[in-house]
C-alpha atoms as a PDB file:
ATOM      1  CA  MET A   1      21.446   6.786   5.199  1.00  0.00           C
ATOM      2  CA  ARG A   2      23.216  10.373   5.000  1.00  0.00           C
ATOM      3  CA  ILE A   3      20.682  11.207   8.153  1.00  0.00           C
ATOM      4  CA  ILE A   4      21.949   8.007  10.258  1.00  0.00           C
ATOM      5  CA  LEU A   5      25.639   8.847   9.319  1.00  0.00           C
ATOM      6  CA  PRO A   6      25.799  11.877  10.667  1.00  0.00           C
ATOM      7  CA  ILE A   7      23.899  11.195  13.862  1.00  0.00           C
ATOM      8  CA  LEU A   8      26.090   8.024  14.368  1.00  0.00           C
ATOM      9  CA  LEU A   9      29.120  10.660  13.993  1.00  0.00           C
ATOM     10  CA  VAL A  10      27.511  12.830  16.841  1.00  0.00           C
ATOM     11  CA  LEU A  11      26.412  10.165  19.131  1.00  0.00           C
ATOM     12  CA  GLY A  12      30.073   7.913  18.853  1.00  0.00           C
ATOM     13  CA  GLY A  13      31.739  11.276  18.903  1.00  0.00           C
ATOM     14  CA  THR A  14      30.134  12.116  22.653  1.00  0.00           C
ATOM     15  CA  ALA A  15      31.335   8.686  23.732  1.00  0.00           C
ATOM     16  CA  LEU A  16      34.942   9.162  23.172  1.00  0.00           C
ATOM     17  CA  ALA A  17      34.931  13.026  24.072  1.00  0.00           C
ATOM     18  CA  SER A  18      36.596  12.223  27.529  1.00  0.00           C
ATOM     19  CA  SER A  19      40.227  11.701  27.548  1.00  0.00           C
ATOM     20  CA  PRO A  20      42.215  10.088  30.185  1.00  0.00           C
ATOM     21  CA  GLU A  21      42.935  13.287  31.648  1.00  0.00           C
ATOM     22  CA  GLU A  22      39.706  14.622  31.744  1.00  0.00           C
ATOM     23  CA  TRP A  23      38.328  11.514  33.888  1.00  0.00           C
ATOM     24  CA  ASP A  24      40.951  11.893  36.307  1.00  0.00           C
ATOM     25  CA  ARG A  25      39.668  15.626  36.704  1.00  0.00           C
ATOM     26  CA  PHE A  26      36.125  14.689  36.929  1.00  0.00           C
ATOM     27  CA  ARG A  27      37.376  11.672  40.306  1.00  0.00           C
ATOM     28  CA  GLN A  28      39.472  14.633  42.036  1.00  0.00           C
ATOM     29  CA  ASP A  29      36.726  17.121  40.962  1.00  0.00           C
ATOM     30  CA  VAL A  30      34.236  14.495  43.072  1.00  0.00           C
ATOM     31  CA  ASN A  31      36.719  13.703  45.782  1.00  0.00           C
ATOM     32  CA  ALA A  32      37.305  17.576  46.687  1.00  0.00           C
ATOM     33  CA  ALA A  33      33.385  18.546  46.582  1.00  0.00           C
ATOM     34  CA  CYS A  34      32.670  15.138  48.721  1.00  0.00           C
ATOM     35  CA  SER A  35      35.559  16.167  51.114  1.00  0.00           C
ATOM     36  CA  GLU A  36      34.169  19.616  51.971  1.00  0.00           C
ATOM     37  CA  LEU A  37      30.997  17.686  53.014  1.00  0.00           C
ATOM     38  CA  LEU A  38      32.604  15.264  55.614  1.00  0.00           C
ATOM     39  CA  PRO A  39      31.680  15.715  59.385  1.00  0.00           C
ATOM     40  CA  GLN A  40      34.945  16.331  61.318  1.00  0.00           C
ATOM     41  CA  GLY A  41      36.758  13.675  63.304  1.00  0.00           C
ATOM     42  CA  PRO A  42      37.434  10.169  62.371  1.00  0.00           C
ATOM     43  CA  GLU A  43      39.568   8.631  60.245  1.00  0.00           C
ATOM     44  CA  THR A  44      37.974   8.841  56.568  1.00  0.00           C
ATOM     45  CA  VAL A  45      38.273   6.904  53.598  1.00  0.00           C
ATOM     46  CA  ILE A  46      36.955   8.197  50.049  1.00  0.00           C
ATOM     47  CA  GLU A  47      36.089   6.157  47.235  1.00  0.00           C
ATOM     48  CA  VAL A  48      34.820   8.018  44.061  1.00  0.00           C
ATOM     49  CA  ASN A  49      32.962   5.766  41.094  1.00  0.00           C
ATOM     50  CA  PRO A  50      35.684   5.718  38.366  1.00  0.00           C
ATOM     51  CA  PHE A  51      32.710   7.101  35.719  1.00  0.00           C
ATOM     52  CA  GLY A  52      29.440   7.955  37.673  1.00  0.00           C
ATOM     53  CA  SER A  53      26.388   7.558  35.788  1.00  0.00           C
ATOM     54  CA  GLU A  54      25.641   9.740  33.004  1.00  0.00           C
ATOM     55  CA  SER A  55      24.529  12.450  34.985  1.00  0.00           C
ATOM     56  CA  TYR A  56      26.214  12.421  38.103  1.00  0.00           C
ATOM     57  CA  GLY A  57      29.400  11.220  40.094  1.00  0.00           C
ATOM     58  CA  ALA A  58      29.256   9.120  43.259  1.00  0.00           C
ATOM     59  CA  ALA A  59      31.396   8.352  46.038  1.00  0.00           C
ATOM     60  CA  LEU A  60      31.070   5.935  48.995  1.00  0.00           C
ATOM     61  CA  ILE A  61      32.163   7.384  52.312  1.00  0.00           C
ATOM     62  CA  VAL A  62      33.539   5.189  55.172  1.00  0.00           C
ATOM     63  CA  GLN A  63      34.268   7.117  58.322  1.00  0.00           C
ATOM     64  CA  THR A  64      36.019   4.838  60.938  1.00  0.00           C
ATOM     65  CA  GLU A  65      35.621   5.681  64.812  1.00  0.00           C
ATOM     66  CA  ASP A  66      37.257   2.888  66.293  1.00  0.00           C
ATOM     67  CA  GLN A  67      38.100  -0.746  65.526  1.00  0.00           C
ATOM     68  CA  ASP A  68      34.599  -2.056  65.893  1.00  0.00           C
ATOM     69  CA  PHE A  69      32.212   0.888  64.017  1.00  0.00           C
ATOM     70  CA  ALA A  70      32.385   2.717  60.752  1.00  0.00           C
ATOM     71  CA  GLN A  71      29.604   4.971  59.188  1.00  0.00           C
ATOM     72  CA  ARG A  72      29.124   4.650  55.458  1.00  0.00           C
ATOM     73  CA  TYR A  73      27.497   7.397  53.571  1.00  0.00           C
ATOM     74  CA  ILE A  74      27.522   8.130  50.017  1.00  0.00           C
ATOM     75  CA  CYS A  75      28.259  11.399  48.246  1.00  0.00           C
ATOM     76  CA  ILE A  76      26.267  12.307  44.983  1.00  0.00           C
ATOM     77  CA  TYR A  77      28.317  14.946  42.681  1.00  0.00           C
ATOM     78  CA  ASP A  78      26.050  16.828  39.803  1.00  0.00           C
ATOM     79  CA  LYS A  79      28.342  16.987  36.750  1.00  0.00           C
ATOM     80  CA  GLN A  80      26.412  19.875  34.932  1.00  0.00           C
ATOM     81  CA  SER A  81      26.689  22.154  38.285  1.00  0.00           C
ATOM     82  CA  GLY A  82      29.271  20.575  40.159  1.00  0.00           C
ATOM     83  CA  ALA A  83      27.303  20.741  43.482  1.00  0.00           C
ATOM     84  CA  ALA A  84      27.616  17.956  46.002  1.00  0.00           C
ATOM     85  CA  GLU A  85      25.354  16.034  48.541  1.00  0.00           C
ATOM     86  CA  LEU A  86      25.943  13.801  51.045  1.00  0.00           C
ATOM     87  CA  THR A  87      23.022  11.237  52.383  1.00  0.00           C
ATOM     88  CA  ALA A  88      22.693  11.002  56.071  1.00  0.00           C
ATOM     89  CA  PRO A  89      24.511   7.693  57.652  1.00  0.00           C
ATOM     90  CA  PHE A  90      23.689   4.071  57.260  1.00  0.00           C
ATOM     91  CA  ASN A  91      22.177   2.680  59.762  1.00  0.00           C
ATOM     92  CA  PRO A  92      25.097   1.148  61.856  1.00  0.00           C
ATOM     93  CA  ARG A  93      24.822  -2.580  62.447  1.00  0.00           C
ATOM     94  CA  GLU A  94      23.363  -2.882  65.835  1.00  0.00           C
ATOM     95  CA  GLU A  95      23.127  -5.863  68.256  1.00  0.00           C
ATOM     96  CA  VAL A  96      19.385  -8.047  68.050  1.00  0.00           C
ATOM     97  CA  THR A  97      17.776 -10.409  70.822  1.00  0.00           C
ATOM     98  CA  GLU A  98      15.625 -12.548  69.443  1.00  0.00           C
ATOM     99  CA  ILE A  99      13.909 -15.888  71.431  1.00  0.00           C
ATOM    100  CA  THR A 100      14.238 -19.378  69.571  1.00  0.00           C
ATOM    101  CA  THR A 101      13.761 -22.628  70.973  1.00  0.00           C
ATOM    102  CA  ASP A 102      16.324 -25.667  71.607  1.00  0.00           C
ATOM    103  CA  PRO A 103      15.215 -29.073  70.349  1.00  0.00           C
ATOM    104  CA  ASP A 104      13.521 -29.674  74.175  1.00  0.00           C
ATOM    105  CA  GLY A 105      11.364 -26.549  74.004  1.00  0.00           C
ATOM    106  CA  ASN A 106      13.634 -24.556  76.335  1.00  0.00           C
ATOM    107  CA  LEU A 107      13.362 -20.830  75.533  1.00  0.00           C
ATOM    108  CA  ILE A 108      17.099 -19.622  74.322  1.00  0.00           C
ATOM    109  CA  PRO A 109      18.054 -15.775  73.362  1.00  0.00           C
ATOM    110  CA  MET A 110      20.230 -15.060  70.368  1.00  0.00           C
ATOM    111  CA  THR A 111      22.261 -12.069  69.737  1.00  0.00           C
ATOM    112  CA  SER A 112      23.199 -11.409  66.381  1.00  0.00           C
ATOM    113  CA  GLU A 113      24.666  -8.228  64.595  1.00  0.00           C
ATOM    114  CA  THR A 114      22.448  -7.036  61.458  1.00  0.00           C
ATOM    115  CA  THR A 115      22.236  -4.394  58.930  1.00  0.00           C
ATOM    116  CA  GLU A 116      19.092  -2.788  56.544  1.00  0.00           C
ATOM    117  CA  ALA A 117      21.297  -4.252  53.752  1.00  0.00           C
ATOM    118  CA  GLU A 118      19.061  -6.925  51.519  1.00  0.00           C
ATOM    119  CA  LEU A 119      19.921  -9.277  48.639  1.00  0.00           C
ATOM    120  CA  ALA A 120      18.905  -7.577  45.339  1.00  0.00           C
ATOM    121  CA  ASP A 121      17.505  -9.723  42.899  1.00  0.00           C
ATOM    122  CA  PRO A 122      18.337  -7.914  39.293  1.00  0.00           C
END
């Protein structure tokens, strides 16, 4: 029991070590580091994940070039070093044409919009 109590105190203290002010500063640091990496040009929105993971901060970045097109990036922030990296943009939606048939067997081209996104199976 003597060994377990100090371990629990240390682990519990680690979880409670960050104050609301420290988390606010973390979010500001992530925002600033990621903003420096953004391509110049279109209107940009940055959404910083409030806490990140144990080792990394993360931000979702969306740049709107026009009403019909937005480019998405992820910014990864190393909590230890303060360095940030920006992913390449996700593939934009593209028009895809498929050939299908109607009930009478006539060929019909179908156009739809798609991304590489898939439903996750947790």
